[in-house]
Structures are given as C-alpha cells and as structure tokens.
N, C-alpha and C. Protein backbone atom coordinates (compact mmCIF):
# COMPACT_ATOMS: atom_id res chain seq x y z
N MET A 1 3.06 11.38 -19.06
CA MET A 1 2.22 11.80 -17.67
C MET A 1 2.95 12.84 -16.77
N THR A 2 1.98 13.56 -16.62
CA THR A 2 2.68 15.52 -16.05
C THR A 2 1.92 15.19 -14.60
N VAL A 3 2.56 14.97 -13.84
CA VAL A 3 2.06 15.06 -12.16
C VAL A 3 2.45 16.42 -11.77
N ASN A 4 1.61 17.31 -11.02
CA ASN A 4 1.61 18.98 -9.94
C ASN A 4 1.31 18.20 -9.09
N LEU A 5 1.60 17.21 -8.62
CA LEU A 5 1.79 17.12 -6.92
C LEU A 5 2.20 16.53 -6.30
N ILE A 6 2.72 17.34 -4.92
CA ILE A 6 3.08 16.64 -3.88
C ILE A 6 2.13 14.75 -3.39
N MET A 7 0.74 15.25 -2.79
CA MET A 7 -0.32 14.78 -1.73
C MET A 7 -1.76 15.26 -2.64
N ASN A 8 -2.18 13.66 -2.66
CA ASN A 8 -3.73 15.13 -2.66
C ASN A 8 -4.14 14.62 -1.66
N ARG A 9 -5.13 15.20 -0.95
CA ARG A 9 -6.00 15.31 -0.40
C ARG A 9 -7.43 14.48 -0.01
N THR A 10 -7.31 13.68 -1.39
CA THR A 10 -8.70 12.62 -1.41
C THR A 10 -8.46 12.05 -2.03
N ALA A 11 -9.24 10.62 -1.53
CA ALA A 11 -9.39 8.89 -2.38
C ALA A 11 -9.93 8.77 -2.70
N ASN A 12 -10.30 7.90 -3.19
CA ASN A 12 -11.43 6.78 -3.82
C ASN A 12 -11.59 5.83 -3.19
N VAL A 13 -12.71 5.40 -2.42
CA VAL A 13 -12.31 4.35 -1.94
C VAL A 13 -13.33 3.10 -2.38
N SER A 14 -14.35 3.80 -3.60
CA SER A 14 -15.40 2.28 -3.83
C SER A 14 -14.80 1.73 -3.96
N GLN A 15 -13.71 1.16 -4.43
CA GLN A 15 -13.40 0.24 -4.85
C GLN A 15 -13.39 -1.29 -3.65
N LEU A 16 -12.23 -0.30 -2.52
CA LEU A 16 -13.06 -1.87 -1.44
C LEU A 16 -13.39 -1.25 -0.29
N LEU A 17 -13.88 -0.31 -0.75
CA LEU A 17 -14.88 0.21 1.04
C LEU A 17 -16.02 -1.04 1.64
N ALA A 18 -17.25 -1.68 0.31
CA ALA A 18 -17.99 -2.10 0.08
C ALA A 18 -17.28 -3.32 1.27
N VAL A 19 -16.75 -4.45 0.57
CA VAL A 19 -15.32 -4.90 0.86
C VAL A 19 -15.81 -5.44 2.57
N THR A 20 -14.61 -4.48 2.98
CA THR A 20 -14.28 -4.01 4.40
C THR A 20 -14.99 -3.63 4.97
N MET A 21 -16.51 -2.90 4.89
CA MET A 21 -17.23 -3.04 5.81
C MET A 21 -18.04 -4.30 6.02
N LYS A 22 -18.47 -5.38 4.92
CA LYS A 22 -18.87 -6.82 4.97
C LYS A 22 -17.46 -7.54 6.25
N VAL A 23 -16.60 -7.12 5.97
CA VAL A 23 -16.40 -8.14 6.94
C VAL A 23 -16.20 -7.55 7.80
N ASN A 24 -16.05 -6.36 8.39
CA ASN A 24 -16.74 -6.14 9.71
C ASN A 24 -17.74 -5.87 9.92
N LYS A 25 -18.90 -6.60 9.23
CA LYS A 25 -20.40 -6.50 9.75
C LYS A 25 -20.79 -5.03 9.37
N VAL A 26 -20.42 -3.72 8.71
CA VAL A 26 -21.24 -2.56 9.92
C VAL A 26 -21.62 -1.95 8.01
N SER A 27 -22.94 -2.08 7.78
CA SER A 27 -23.36 -1.07 7.38
C SER A 27 -23.73 0.07 6.91
N THR A 28 -24.01 0.38 5.82
CA THR A 28 -23.61 2.57 5.50
C THR A 28 -24.34 3.59 6.56
N VAL A 29 -25.35 2.77 7.03
CA VAL A 29 -26.27 3.77 8.23
C VAL A 29 -25.23 3.23 9.42
N GLU A 30 -24.59 2.20 9.59
CA GLU A 30 -24.40 2.36 10.69
C GLU A 30 -22.92 3.01 10.46
N LEU A 31 -22.17 2.48 9.48
CA LEU A 31 -20.48 3.33 9.55
C LEU A 31 -20.29 4.83 9.04
N ALA A 32 -22.23 5.43 8.86
CA ALA A 32 -22.31 6.77 9.24
C ALA A 32 -21.94 6.93 10.53
N HIS A 33 -23.08 6.74 11.73
CA HIS A 33 -23.41 6.46 12.77
C HIS A 33 -21.97 6.67 13.18
N LYS A 34 -21.00 5.64 12.71
CA LYS A 34 -19.80 5.82 14.30
C LYS A 34 -18.49 6.89 13.18
N MET A 35 -19.05 6.86 11.51
CA MET A 35 -18.00 8.88 11.98
C MET A 35 -18.66 9.59 12.07
N TYR A 36 -20.52 10.29 12.47
CA TYR A 36 -20.69 11.03 12.79
C TYR A 36 -20.54 12.09 11.94
N LEU A 37 -21.20 11.11 10.29
CA LEU A 37 -21.13 11.38 9.00
C LEU A 37 -22.58 11.21 8.23
N SER A 38 -23.43 11.48 7.21
CA SER A 38 -24.16 11.48 7.00
C SER A 38 -24.46 9.94 6.37
N GLN A 39 -25.47 9.39 5.84
CA GLN A 39 -25.21 8.39 5.49
C GLN A 39 -25.62 8.38 3.27
N PRO A 40 -25.73 9.47 3.31
CA PRO A 40 -26.07 9.50 2.12
C PRO A 40 -24.48 9.57 1.28
N LEU A 41 -23.27 10.98 2.26
CA LEU A 41 -21.98 10.77 1.89
C LEU A 41 -20.84 9.20 2.35
N VAL A 42 -21.55 8.24 2.48
CA VAL A 42 -20.78 7.23 2.67
C VAL A 42 -21.20 6.12 1.89
N SER A 43 -22.69 6.53 1.41
CA SER A 43 -23.09 6.10 -0.53
C SER A 43 -22.61 6.27 -1.24
N LYS A 44 -21.76 7.25 -0.47
CA LYS A 44 -21.53 8.59 -2.54
C LYS A 44 -20.15 7.55 -2.74
N TRP A 45 -19.35 7.65 -1.61
CA TRP A 45 -17.71 6.78 -1.18
C TRP A 45 -18.52 5.34 -1.68
N ARG A 46 -18.82 4.82 -1.46
CA ARG A 46 -19.31 2.95 -2.15
C ARG A 46 -19.39 3.43 -3.70
N THR A 47 -19.23 4.40 -3.80
CA THR A 47 -19.87 4.23 -5.34
C THR A 47 -19.31 4.80 -6.57
N GLY A 48 -18.01 6.02 -5.62
CA GLY A 48 -17.14 6.38 -6.03
C GLY A 48 -17.99 7.72 -6.80
N LYS A 49 -19.01 8.02 -6.00
CA LYS A 49 -19.17 9.69 -6.41
C LYS A 49 -19.10 10.58 -5.45
N ALA A 50 -18.13 10.09 -4.12
CA ALA A 50 -17.80 11.49 -3.06
C ALA A 50 -16.17 10.49 -3.53
N LYS A 51 -15.53 11.76 -2.74
CA LYS A 51 -14.15 10.77 -2.45
C LYS A 51 -14.21 10.88 -1.19
N LEU A 52 -13.80 10.27 -0.10
CA LEU A 52 -12.16 10.52 1.34
C LEU A 52 -11.41 11.65 1.40
N GLN A 53 -11.92 12.34 2.28
CA GLN A 53 -11.67 13.88 2.20
C GLN A 53 -10.54 13.34 2.85
N PHE A 54 -8.89 13.59 3.20
CA PHE A 54 -7.92 13.57 4.15
C PHE A 54 -8.13 13.57 5.34
N GLU A 55 -9.08 14.31 6.02
CA GLU A 55 -8.80 13.83 7.77
C GLU A 55 -10.10 12.72 7.68
N GLN A 56 -10.61 12.58 7.09
CA GLN A 56 -11.40 11.29 7.31
C GLN A 56 -10.97 10.38 7.33
N ILE A 57 -9.21 9.85 7.15
CA ILE A 57 -9.04 8.67 6.82
C ILE A 57 -8.87 7.69 8.34
N GLU A 58 -7.97 8.30 8.96
CA GLU A 58 -8.57 7.49 10.49
C GLU A 58 -9.88 7.61 10.75
N SER A 59 -10.18 8.19 10.90
CA SER A 59 -12.22 7.35 11.54
C SER A 59 -12.44 6.42 10.85
N LEU A 60 -12.40 6.90 9.39
CA LEU A 60 -12.60 5.15 8.85
C LEU A 60 -11.93 4.65 9.15
N LEU A 61 -11.07 4.32 9.07
CA LEU A 61 -9.85 2.87 9.74
C LEU A 61 -10.46 2.59 11.24
N GLU A 62 -10.47 3.39 11.84
CA GLU A 62 -10.70 2.69 13.20
C GLU A 62 -12.66 2.14 13.17
N SER A 63 -12.85 2.64 12.16
CA SER A 63 -14.71 2.24 12.18
C SER A 63 -14.42 0.71 11.82
N LEU A 64 -13.43 1.14 10.95
CA LEU A 64 -13.75 -0.61 10.30
C LEU A 64 -12.34 -0.73 10.86
N PRO A 65 -12.34 -1.46 11.67
CA PRO A 65 -10.70 -2.59 12.63
C PRO A 65 -10.02 -3.41 11.54
N LYS A 66 -11.26 -4.69 11.22
CA LYS A 66 -10.64 -5.41 10.82
C LYS A 66 -10.42 -5.60 9.36
N GLN A 67 -9.71 -6.58 9.03
CA GLN A 67 -8.97 -6.28 7.55
C GLN A 67 -8.89 -5.37 7.12
N SER A 68 -8.61 -4.00 7.58
CA SER A 68 -8.73 -2.48 6.43
C SER A 68 -7.17 -2.22 5.95
N GLY A 69 -6.35 -3.24 6.36
CA GLY A 69 -5.16 -2.77 5.63
C GLY A 69 -5.03 -3.01 4.37
N MET A 70 -5.65 -3.20 3.47
CA MET A 70 -5.80 -3.43 1.88
C MET A 70 -6.37 -2.13 1.65
N LEU A 71 -7.33 -1.48 2.27
CA LEU A 71 -8.02 -0.78 1.75
C LEU A 71 -7.04 0.78 2.82
N LEU A 72 -6.22 0.45 3.25
CA LEU A 72 -4.62 1.19 4.16
C LEU A 72 -4.05 2.00 2.92
N ILE A 73 -4.00 0.69 1.83
CA ILE A 73 -2.50 0.49 1.14
C ILE A 73 -2.85 1.61 -0.21
N SER A 74 -4.39 1.18 0.03
CA SER A 74 -5.42 1.65 -1.52
C SER A 74 -5.55 2.80 -1.34
N ILE A 75 -5.87 3.92 0.49
CA ILE A 75 -6.17 5.59 0.50
C ILE A 75 -4.63 5.71 0.10
N LEU A 76 -3.39 5.27 0.22
CA LEU A 76 -1.96 5.78 1.13
C LEU A 76 -1.76 5.64 -0.15
N HIS A 77 -1.79 4.99 -1.69
CA HIS A 77 -1.29 5.15 -3.00
C HIS A 77 -1.69 6.77 -3.42
N GLN A 78 -3.48 6.33 -3.48
CA GLN A 78 -3.73 7.89 -4.08
C GLN A 78 -2.90 9.17 -3.67
N VAL A 79 -3.00 8.98 -1.90
CA VAL A 79 -2.97 10.12 -1.15
C VAL A 79 -1.17 10.85 -1.74
N SER A 80 0.04 9.69 -1.41
CA SER A 80 0.41 10.22 -1.63
C SER A 80 1.49 9.80 -3.39
N GLY A 81 0.41 10.70 -4.57
CA GLY A 81 -0.09 10.47 -5.41
C GLY A 81 0.76 9.55 -6.02
N GLY A 82 1.04 7.65 -6.13
CA GLY A 82 1.39 7.02 -6.66
C GLY A 82 3.17 6.54 -5.91
N LEU A 83 3.51 7.42 -4.95
CA LEU A 83 4.90 6.72 -4.68
C LEU A 83 4.58 5.62 -3.84
N ILE A 84 3.64 5.53 -3.10
CA ILE A 84 2.94 3.88 -2.57
C ILE A 84 2.58 2.69 -3.33
N PRO A 85 2.73 1.94 -3.62
CA PRO A 85 2.01 1.01 -4.37
C PRO A 85 0.40 0.95 -4.09
N ASP A 86 -0.30 0.70 -5.22
CA ASP A 86 -1.55 0.31 -4.80
C ASP A 86 -1.90 -0.83 -4.95
N THR A 87 -2.58 -1.81 -3.99
CA THR A 87 -2.74 -3.47 -4.02
C THR A 87 -3.20 -3.73 -5.46
N VAL A 88 -3.70 -4.97 -5.00
CA VAL A 88 -3.98 -5.54 -6.69
C VAL A 88 -5.02 -6.37 -6.46
N GLU A 89 -6.27 -6.53 -6.52
CA GLU A 89 -7.66 -6.41 -7.23
C GLU A 89 -7.61 -8.50 -6.84
N GLU A 90 -8.67 -9.00 -6.09
CA GLU A 90 -7.91 -9.92 -6.15
C GLU A 90 -8.84 -10.79 -7.10
N LYS A 91 -9.35 -10.60 -8.12
CA LYS A 91 -9.32 -11.06 -9.49
C LYS A 91 -8.87 -11.13 -10.36
N PHE A 92 -7.51 -10.76 -9.91
CA PHE A 92 -6.10 -10.81 -10.76
C PHE A 92 -4.75 -11.72 -9.88
N MET A 93 -5.14 -11.81 -8.91
CA MET A 93 -3.80 -12.34 -7.44
C MET A 93 -4.81 -12.90 -6.89
N TYR A 94 -4.16 -14.45 -5.90
CA TYR A 94 -4.99 -13.90 -4.68
C TYR A 94 -4.17 -13.38 -3.99
N THR A 95 -4.97 -12.79 -2.90
CA THR A 95 -3.74 -12.05 -1.87
C THR A 95 -3.47 -12.88 -0.48
N ASP A 96 -3.07 -14.19 -0.35
CA ASP A 96 -2.69 -14.72 0.93
C ASP A 96 -1.63 -14.94 0.95
N PRO A 97 -0.99 -14.72 2.34
CA PRO A 97 0.16 -14.64 2.58
C PRO A 97 0.98 -16.31 1.40
N GLY A 98 0.78 -17.26 1.06
CA GLY A 98 1.08 -18.31 0.62
C GLY A 98 1.23 -18.10 -1.12
N ASN A 99 0.56 -17.73 -1.58
CA ASN A 99 0.66 -16.73 -3.02
C ASN A 99 1.17 -15.71 -2.89
N LEU A 100 1.35 -14.47 -2.48
CA LEU A 100 2.31 -13.92 -2.19
C LEU A 100 3.72 -14.04 -1.74
N GLU A 101 4.23 -14.75 -1.06
CA GLU A 101 5.10 -15.09 -1.49
C GLU A 101 5.81 -15.63 -1.77
N ASN A 102 5.35 -16.35 -2.96
CA ASN A 102 6.20 -17.03 -4.27
C ASN A 102 6.20 -15.76 -4.80
N ARG A 103 5.01 -15.08 -4.60
CA ARG A 103 5.25 -13.68 -5.86
C ARG A 103 6.13 -12.69 -4.97
N VAL A 104 6.31 -12.80 -4.11
CA VAL A 104 7.65 -11.86 -3.32
C VAL A 104 8.90 -12.59 -3.76
N MET A 105 8.91 -13.31 -3.65
CA MET A 105 10.88 -13.87 -3.95
C MET A 105 10.54 -13.95 -5.83
N ALA A 106 9.50 -14.11 -6.39
CA ALA A 106 9.68 -13.90 -8.30
C ALA A 106 10.28 -12.84 -7.99
N GLU A 107 9.45 -11.30 -7.60
CA GLU A 107 9.95 -10.40 -7.99
C GLU A 107 11.67 -10.33 -7.29
N ILE A 108 11.71 -10.21 -6.22
CA ILE A 108 13.15 -10.11 -6.41
C ILE A 108 14.31 -10.65 -6.83
N ARG A 109 13.91 -11.76 -7.01
CA ARG A 109 15.05 -12.12 -7.98
C ARG A 109 14.88 -11.33 -9.08
N GLN A 110 14.26 -10.93 -9.85
CA GLN A 110 13.85 -9.79 -10.78
C GLN A 110 14.55 -8.60 -10.80
N ALA A 111 14.06 -7.95 -9.31
CA ALA A 111 14.54 -6.97 -9.04
C ALA A 111 16.18 -7.08 -8.69
N VAL A 112 17.22 -8.32 -8.02
CA VAL A 112 18.34 -8.34 -7.94
C VAL A 112 19.31 -8.18 -9.81
N ILE A 113 18.38 -9.47 -10.51
CA ILE A 113 19.34 -9.18 -11.25
C ILE A 113 19.35 -7.16 -11.88
N ALA A 114 18.30 -6.71 -12.20
CA ALA A 114 17.95 -5.36 -12.37
C ALA A 114 18.68 -4.92 -12.00
N PHE A 115 19.58 -3.96 -10.76
CA PHE A 115 20.29 -4.46 -9.96
C PHE A 115 21.73 -4.46 -10.26
N GLN A 116 22.04 -5.95 -10.74
CA GLN A 116 23.36 -6.31 -10.66
C GLN A 116 23.80 -5.31 -11.91
N ASN A 117 22.57 -4.89 -12.93
CA ASN A 117 22.85 -4.55 -14.12
C ASN A 117 22.59 -3.43 -14.02
N SER A 118 22.35 -2.76 -13.42
CA SER A 118 22.65 -1.34 -13.18
C SER A 118 23.50 -0.65 -12.61
N THR A 119 24.77 -1.43 -12.03
CA THR A 119 25.51 -0.78 -11.23
C THR A 119 26.89 -0.14 -11.40
N ASP A 120 26.75 -0.48 -12.54
CA ASP A 120 28.07 0.29 -13.57
C ASP A 120 27.55 1.58 -13.60
N GLU A 121 26.36 2.05 -14.23
CA GLU A 121 25.28 2.77 -14.42
C GLU A 121 25.43 3.69 -12.90
N PHE A 122 24.80 3.52 -11.58
CA PHE A 122 24.88 4.36 -10.37
C PHE A 122 26.21 4.54 -10.49
N GLY A 123 26.99 3.59 -10.59
CA GLY A 123 28.09 4.26 -10.63
C GLY A 123 29.09 5.47 -10.85
N ARG A 124 28.53 5.72 -12.07
CA ARG A 124 29.03 6.42 -12.37
C ARG A 124 28.44 8.14 -12.54
N PRO A 125 29.11 9.35 -12.62
CA PRO A 125 27.63 10.47 -13.17
C PRO A 125 26.85 10.68 -13.97
N ILE A 126 25.91 11.42 -14.05
CA ILE A 126 24.05 10.48 -15.34
C ILE A 126 24.52 10.87 -16.16
N SER A 127 25.91 12.14 -17.12
CA SER A 127 26.06 12.84 -17.49
C SER A 127 27.09 12.05 -18.43
N SER A 128 27.72 10.90 -18.24
CA SER A 128 28.23 10.12 -18.97
C SER A 128 27.27 8.90 -18.99
N ILE A 129 26.23 8.80 -18.55
CA ILE A 129 25.46 7.53 -19.03
C ILE A 129 24.85 8.00 -20.86
N GLN A 130 25.29 7.18 -21.68
CA GLN A 130 23.96 7.22 -22.43
C GLN A 130 22.58 6.72 -22.65
N ASP A 131 22.54 5.52 -21.91
CA ASP A 131 21.14 4.51 -22.58
C ASP A 131 21.19 4.26 -20.68
N LEU A 132 19.36 4.82 -20.10
CA LEU A 132 19.87 4.88 -19.22
C LEU A 132 18.38 3.42 -19.25
N HIS A 133 18.42 2.76 -19.76
CA HIS A 133 17.49 1.33 -19.58
C HIS A 133 17.65 0.32 -18.06
N ASP A 134 19.17 0.48 -17.93
CA ASP A 134 18.97 -0.69 -17.06
C ASP A 134 18.51 0.24 -15.05
N PRO A 135 19.28 1.68 -15.29
CA PRO A 135 18.81 2.51 -14.24
C PRO A 135 16.96 2.47 -13.36
N GLU A 136 16.80 2.33 -15.06
CA GLU A 136 14.93 2.88 -15.10
C GLU A 136 14.15 0.59 -14.85
N GLU A 137 14.82 0.02 -15.48
CA GLU A 137 14.57 -1.73 -15.17
C GLU A 137 14.70 -1.52 -13.15
N ALA A 138 15.98 -1.11 -13.17
CA ALA A 138 15.85 -1.27 -11.30
C ALA A 138 15.14 -1.01 -10.57
N PHE A 139 14.20 0.93 -10.94
CA PHE A 139 13.50 1.60 -10.43
C PHE A 139 12.13 0.28 -10.38
N ASN A 140 11.48 0.05 -12.22
CA ASN A 140 11.10 -0.45 -12.01
C ASN A 140 10.19 -1.92 -10.83
N GLN A 141 12.12 -2.83 -11.44
CA GLN A 141 11.39 -3.88 -10.76
C GLN A 141 11.53 -3.19 -9.43
N GLY A 142 12.49 -2.89 -8.58
CA GLY A 142 12.21 -1.88 -6.87
C GLY A 142 11.11 -1.68 -6.55
N TYR A 143 10.12 -1.08 -7.61
CA TYR A 143 8.49 -0.75 -7.01
C TYR A 143 7.63 -1.74 -6.93
N ASP A 144 8.29 -3.02 -8.02
CA ASP A 144 7.41 -4.04 -7.95
C ASP A 144 7.94 -5.07 -6.34
N VAL A 145 9.09 -4.90 -6.49
CA VAL A 145 9.41 -5.85 -4.96
C VAL A 145 8.55 -5.17 -3.43
N ILE A 146 8.22 -3.78 -3.56
CA ILE A 146 7.10 -2.86 -2.94
C ILE A 146 6.26 -2.99 -3.23
N LYS A 147 6.13 -3.12 -3.62
CA LYS A 147 4.35 -3.23 -4.01
C LYS A 147 3.65 -4.36 -3.19
N TYR A 148 4.58 -5.97 -3.39
CA TYR A 148 3.97 -6.48 -3.45
C TYR A 148 3.85 -7.11 -2.03
N LEU A 149 5.70 -6.78 -1.40
CA LEU A 149 6.00 -6.86 -0.22
C LEU A 149 4.75 -6.11 1.16
N LEU A 150 4.87 -4.76 0.25
CA LEU A 150 3.37 -4.15 1.48
C LEU A 150 2.87 -4.91 1.43
N ILE A 151 1.69 -5.88 0.16
CA ILE A 151 0.53 -6.18 0.54
C ILE A 151 1.07 -7.64 0.47
N PHE A 152 1.80 -8.26 0.75
CA PHE A 152 2.08 -9.74 1.52
C PHE A 152 2.19 -8.90 3.31
N GLU A 153 3.05 -7.95 3.54
CA GLU A 153 2.90 -7.81 5.19
C GLU A 153 1.36 -7.38 5.62
N VAL A 154 0.13 -6.69 4.78
CA VAL A 154 -0.34 -6.97 5.38
C VAL A 154 -1.96 -8.15 5.36
N ALA A 155 -0.90 -8.95 4.46
CA ALA A 155 -2.11 -10.24 4.10
C ALA A 155 -1.14 -11.75 5.34
N ALA A 156 0.31 -10.80 5.64
CA ALA A 156 0.91 -12.17 6.63
C ALA A 156 0.56 -11.98 8.62
N GLY A 157 0.02 -10.50 8.26
CA GLY A 157 -0.20 -10.12 9.72
C GLY A 157 -1.85 -10.25 9.92
N GLY A 158 -2.72 -10.19 9.18
CA GLY A 158 -4.14 -10.47 8.72
C GLY A 158 -3.92 -12.43 9.26
N PHE A 159 -2.93 -12.92 8.61
CA PHE A 159 -3.00 -14.38 8.29
C PHE A 159 -2.75 -14.47 9.56
N MET A 160 -1.84 -13.59 10.66
CA MET A 160 -1.59 -14.42 12.53
C MET A 160 -2.66 -13.59 13.14
N GLY A 161 -3.76 -13.00 12.46
CA GLY A 161 -4.80 -12.66 13.86
C GLY A 161 -4.41 -11.47 13.47
N TRP A 162 -3.71 -10.00 13.43
CA TRP A 162 -3.03 -8.89 13.07
C TRP A 162 -4.33 -7.77 13.19
N SER A 163 -4.95 -7.27 14.12
CA SER A 163 -5.79 -6.26 13.49
C SER A 163 -4.36 -4.54 12.68
N ILE A 164 -5.02 -3.98 12.25
CA ILE A 164 -4.31 -2.50 11.28
C ILE A 164 -3.20 -1.77 12.06
N LYS A 165 -3.65 -1.68 13.20
CA LYS A 165 -3.19 -1.08 13.99
C LYS A 165 -2.13 -2.50 15.28
N GLU A 166 -2.70 -3.12 15.08
CA GLU A 166 -1.00 -4.20 15.56
C GLU A 166 0.43 -4.49 14.48
N ILE A 167 -0.24 -4.04 13.17
CA ILE A 167 0.42 -4.79 12.17
C ILE A 167 1.06 -3.35 12.12
N GLN A 168 0.47 -2.08 12.30
CA GLN A 168 1.28 -0.90 12.28
C GLN A 168 2.52 -0.69 13.97
N GLU A 169 2.09 -0.96 14.79
CA GLU A 169 2.65 -1.14 15.96
C GLU A 169 4.27 -1.60 15.40
N ARG A 170 4.41 -3.38 14.70
CA ARG A 170 5.38 -4.14 14.70
C ARG A 170 5.86 -3.40 13.52
N CYS A 171 5.31 -2.89 12.41
CA CYS A 171 6.14 -2.01 12.23
C CYS A 171 7.20 -0.39 12.10
N LEU A 172 6.56 -0.44 13.62
CA LEU A 172 7.11 0.43 14.14
C LEU A 172 8.30 -0.08 15.21
N GLN A 173 7.83 -1.36 15.94
CA GLN A 173 8.75 -1.59 16.24
C GLN A 173 10.21 -1.85 15.82
N ARG A 174 9.69 -2.32 14.31
CA ARG A 174 10.44 -2.72 13.81
C ARG A 174 11.72 -1.48 13.73
N GLU A 175 11.41 -0.54 12.42
CA GLU A 175 11.80 0.54 12.23
C GLU A 175 12.69 1.22 13.11
N ALA A 176 12.53 1.38 14.81
CA ALA A 176 13.32 1.31 16.05
C ALA A 176 13.94 0.27 15.71
N TYR A 177 13.98 -0.97 15.65
CA TYR A 177 14.97 -2.20 15.92
C TYR A 177 16.62 -1.64 15.20
N LEU A 178 15.85 -1.66 13.73
CA LEU A 178 16.63 -0.84 13.13
C LEU A 178 17.15 0.08 13.22
N LYS A 179 16.73 1.11 13.76
CA LYS A 179 17.49 2.14 13.59
C LYS A 179 18.41 2.42 14.74
N ARG A 180 17.68 1.07 15.74
CA ARG A 180 18.42 1.14 16.99
C ARG A 180 19.98 0.56 16.68
N HIS A 181 19.99 -0.37 15.33
CA HIS A 181 21.37 -1.26 14.96
C HIS A 181 21.55 -0.14 13.55
N LYS A 182 21.34 0.71 13.50
CA LYS A 182 22.28 1.76 12.33
C LYS A 182 22.28 0.79 11.15
N TYR A 183 20.78 0.82 11.27
CA TYR A 183 20.86 -0.16 9.59
C TYR A 183 21.60 -0.82 8.76
N GLN A 184 22.31 -1.59 10.07
CA GLN A 184 23.35 -2.47 9.89
C GLN A 184 22.46 -3.93 9.57
N ILE A 185 23.47 -4.74 7.95
CA ILE A 185 22.80 -5.68 7.71
C ILE A 185 23.67 -6.92 8.57
N PHE A 186 22.77 -7.58 9.30
CA PHE A 186 23.14 -8.67 9.90
C PHE A 186 23.14 -10.11 9.82
C-alpha cells in the first residue's frame, strides 16, 4: 500500500455519527442548526455521502459533548493518515473499561515479548540486520497497545463521567506532569 500524504483534510464520520447524535439526543436538524450548516449536509455525513471537513471537527465535537471520544478517535485516525489508531466496532468487542482493561493487558504482554525479541536488532545498524521480522513485530505490537490504550482512555474517562474536554484536560495535565519530571520512570 502506497501512501502519499502526511495528513487528510477530511474524515468520513458515518460509522459513529448517528450513535453519538443519539447519545446526545440531537437530531440531524438540531445538529445542523448548532453548527450553522444545512440539514442535507449533516444527512450526507450520516450516510457517508459527504465527508467532514477539517475545519468542522471542533464545531462537531462541541455540538456533541457527550460520549464523543470514539468519534474523535475515528476522525483523528483518518486525519492522521493512519498514524493514530482507529476505534474498534462494538460488534467485534465490548468497549467498556472492564473488557478493555483485559485486552490492554494482553496486548502489553505481547508487546513486551516482541520488544524483548527485537532488542538485539534495534541495538545494531540497520545495514547489519538480515531479518527485520522482530523489529516489525515490535512495531505492530506497539501499535496494538496504543490502539487499545487510547480506546481504554476514552472509555475509562466516560465511565468516570468525564466529557471529552475533561479527558483532554486530564491528558494535558498528565503530559505537563511528565514534562516537569523530565519523562523519568518512577
């Protein structure tokens, strides 16, 4: 697969928009009104016939403040060109903190093994490595950990009653804490 982009300027929100609107008890007409857009455009987002523009992301999330974390993750996945992992569809996995906690721990165990197997390769120049299987597996397992931890973060915040803004504030507070302590492990 060839990717020639750094960032997308649009996102298809059809998969999660209807569910997020339902949780927020907002109709298509009401959402269009809140965002100063036409109702047909919002309908097209819901069906996937139109894509959300980058400039509309903030307004959409502000208009749907309750449980919009999964929608945000999906948008970020698309805008980042895949660098940020996507959400998991509910039909494949329960996205409550209890189930995600078990999945995250399993993914971390797999990642630790993959990282241990790749330490000898990462400690050498790339030109001296014959087989990149172990570093590639470490990359894949690291991605999986990030994917499920990100979803867990949103689900755990929702479990505690935090809005997406409150989850973001806590993430920023944690980042500031880590910077103050120079990213040391305690």
